[in-house]
């Protein structure tokens, strides 16, 4: 094996000096075979000539420091065969064999033949950077190899530029939880839209009925014929769309339409005959519409009772909840289709809290007419609510919806609903659970629903005042309203004022209310003012807050101590202003009567001094009716 030699421009392993371009080792294959001189192979020598850039002077030629021709007659690939086997077997390189660094070194070598070029061309200036490289730094790099890269870091680095488009599209198209509500809404809209389209069609036909009836009532029979034709055409189209489910009713309806057409086409139209046929047609049409609606609602109830999937159940519950806002007639049909029983079954049997919450929300929507409330009673719904509310481990959303159902079935505005079976026996449990919910919740909606349920209990069951006293419900509610501060909604204040007014009607509760400083809260409620920027519902609620607060103060002022407290807190001035200034009470005579009663009760227990200071003695003397007529907003004369 030869020795290692190094000069400023050459590295070689041999016992002899490196040969120049005239050496016999130089090959001349291009002379006969067509191969260029660039294929010359030096087996022992590697050029280490540094790359230098030379400025070209016009009209002169400079010898190139790069060996080998610039252009060849055939395309060439890099030739790495110029590495001497002695170089591979060198002791200096043996430890580096097989390493990635050595492979990169071999690939980076630019082994070019040491041949002088006769000319220095512009192409050469641009290619100088591809000339021979200095290998000393590369050998030093091999002596100090870098630490191997962490495979995970290497993979993460590749991820920045390597990705599969198909994978990204698949991930983007996957269904996620946030899309569940949209899917449920879309599924629920299918059934709900069908029912609404049916109702819209029914309203259109009802308008035609109204036009025909007005013509008959006025005795104008000239236009009866065209109106009958229009009405019969609409009904025939309705029967074609929905009559396949009630074939017998549809055929009977078509017969009456034909009879009505014949009656209206006669030269001498008989008003009595046409009126009789129109009444019969209206009755049959109403039955047909109810049959079509019942069919759609029955489909919903069947899905609730035996759902195929959880999403189908959610969609059915959402649809039933939407139907509850379409009017009392549809709600009565829901009761006839056993919808209330199906919802209670979901509340009892479902393992999903969100589904139970949705079922309770649907119950609170449909239990707004007497028919559904009676069905709720018969199915034991009140006992289910009482048991559900007592379980403290239930989610607050579920308890909130249960309170909403209780507030709905005890609402005083529901006609012919004066009592709910089993309510008296469940009062202690219900009041205790609702009071706990009032004191613990941080949700304004939950607080409002709980307060409404408690206030409605005092309307329907006067005996509810005793559990309210035992649980200190009024104090907890006032504290919760106080914590909300100015952000407390007018509707929450209305429920609190209602509860205090109903409790103050019982003499035994007045000392407790005075102890809880209920008068301070009521006087704060009296300060509420309506604004033209508010909605109509908020303006009406503000009037009710003023009226209920004045009623509660009037009842509490039966106690001289409480009356003196109202005078001390400047409550008389606010009551007088509400009586005299119609805009302060939004021209409400109900607020006027309540404030007059409170002022007279205060004057009876504390004297008229506070009223005289405000120059409002006419409000307490002589008669209540005279004072009312003096400041009433209505011009009518009351006799």
Foldseek 3Di string as FASTA:
>chain_A
DFDWDDDPWKTWGHPDDDDDCPDPQQDDCCVPPVWDSFVRAAQTMATQDDQDADDDDPPDFDKDPFADDDDGPDDDDQDLPNYHVCNVVDPLCVVVPPPPLVVVVSVLARGTDRHIDPGDDPVVNVCSVVGGHHCPVSSVCSVPDDDDDDPVVVVVVVVVPDDDPVVVVVVVPDDDPVCLVVVLQVLLCVLLVVLVVLVVLVVVLVVLLVVLVVCLVVVPLPCNLVSLVVSLVSLLVSCVVQVVVVVVLSVVLNVLSVVLNVQSPDPDRDSVVNVVSSVVNVVSVVVSSLVSLLVSLLVLLVCLQPPPDPSSNSSSLVNLLVQLPVDLVSLLSCLVSVVLVSLVCCLPPPPDLVSNLSSLSSLLSSLQEPSSLVVCLVNVVVVVLLVVLLDPPRDLSNVLSSLSNLLRLLPPVHPPRQDRPPCVVSLLSLLLSLLVQLQPDPDLSSNLSSLSNLLSCLVRPVVSLVSCVVNVSLLSLLVSQVVCPPVRALSSLLSSLSNLLSNLVDVVCLVVCVVSVVLVSLLVLLQDADDPVDDPVSLVSSLSSLLSSLSSLLSSLLDLVSLVVCVVVVVLVSLLCVQADCRRNVLDLSSNLSSLSNLLSSCVNPNCPSVVVVVNVVSNDDDPVVSSCVRHSDPDDDD
